[in-house]
Amino acid sequence: MTALERDALAWILGIPDSSDFVEEYLGTNWYHGKSENTERFADLLSIANLDELLGRFGVRHPSIKLVRSGSAVPTAEYLWRDRMVDPARVAQLFSEGATVVFGGLHDRHEPARRLCNAVSLQVSARTQTNIYLTPPGSQGFRPHWDTHDVYVLQIEGSKRWRMYGGGPELPLKDHKFDPARHQAGDVESEFTLETGEALYVPRGWMHAASTTDSTSVHITLGVMSYTWADLLADSLSELVDRNPSWRENLPLGFALDGGLDKGLEEELSRRILTLSQEMDLHSVVPARAETFVEHLRPRAIDYLKQVVHADEVSEESRVCWRPGVPGSIALRDGRVALISRGREVDFPSEAKTTLECLLRGEIVRAGEIIDGLDWLSRRVILKALIREGWLTVTEES
């Protein structure tokens, strides 16, 4: 297991352990993760990777946007008629001072995907990335706040950051930032984020950044946390679907009384008092967890190869649970079910020890798994898991 997989937040911020950060900063205050190691994020991303994305993969708007002095550059300046991005025009506009924003790079760039998945697994939240390529001496966006937490990873160059007062406390996704209404307060701190350093900014914290005298590349990792408000909304939605009394009409004429009807208030209070007994968290939370797991789709390029060679698995084969694929075991009427991403595969109860061993994620020699089964029985299990795409045969040791 890599350092990123063990503690993604600590890895991003360059700290030994994330527990103190979670206790003191998460959701409440920004944090500057300083580092003298300028190569910390070298394997994550480079300008060469962005060039390859532009020139080889046929990217369309809005996967790439351009911003100049806080305002969007008209798309007619860098798109062909079929909405494809013109790499040469993007490069020219960048040279003239425009910031290039690459959205959703985690869907196209494997290191960014691994970063997102590692954070998602640690914090149980959806994640996304935006990559900002900013020319020297430029400001991409004016002071603003976000409706989700962000982790900024400075890949190349440096940026000057300013943290302001005046942002709202814990805004939700529907609380959109409006520059006409939301004015930045006083500058509370100003500092330079150097190559290899990271910054955590909680939702609602007003901030802005500008480059220094060098080109800057940074990743903004957004974390869309699941809130108590989300849990309440999901629980109420499930209850309304299940209990028709919540779907009854309000009394006729309730809106014409000129004030709050006392009977209406009393009835709503009575219903609210029963909510804690009526809501079914044992149904809602697993359903939400399953939706979250669906967000963690592994990107692999060997599914067909693995299936084609499944019949060749031998006692000497080294096998491993596929990284990034969740899995759990449940007992079903004397059998054992392996559950992953909404799918279930039943096995005889004797397979339980084999499955538990594989779910640890370690690379093991197929013939050395200690499960009390003979080789032929174990081979049937291994082949089934390979064909499901959950298990891989690897050359690693």
Foldseek 3Di string as FASTA:
>chain_A
DDPCLVAVVCLLLVHPHCPVVCVPPVQNHKDKRDDPDLCSCVVQDDVVNVLCCLPPVFDFPPQKWKAAQAHTDPQVQAADPVRTGRVVSVVVVQVVWIKIKGWQCLVPGVSSVVSQLSVCVVQVFHKTKIKIKGFAFGWGHDWWFALFKKKKAWAAAKKKKWWFPQFDRNHHNVPDIDCVPGDTHDTPDIDMRGRGMMMIDGTRTIMTMTGHGGITIMMIMTTRHQDPVNLVVLQVVVLVVVDVVVVDDDDPPCVPPPDHDPVVVVVVVVVVVCSVVRGDCVPRVVVSSLVSLLSQDDDDDCLVVLLVCLVVQDQQWKKAFDPSWDWDWDDDPQWIWIDTSHDIDIDHNLCVQVVVVRNVGDTDRQNPRPRPDDSVNSSVVSSVCSNVVGMGGDPDD
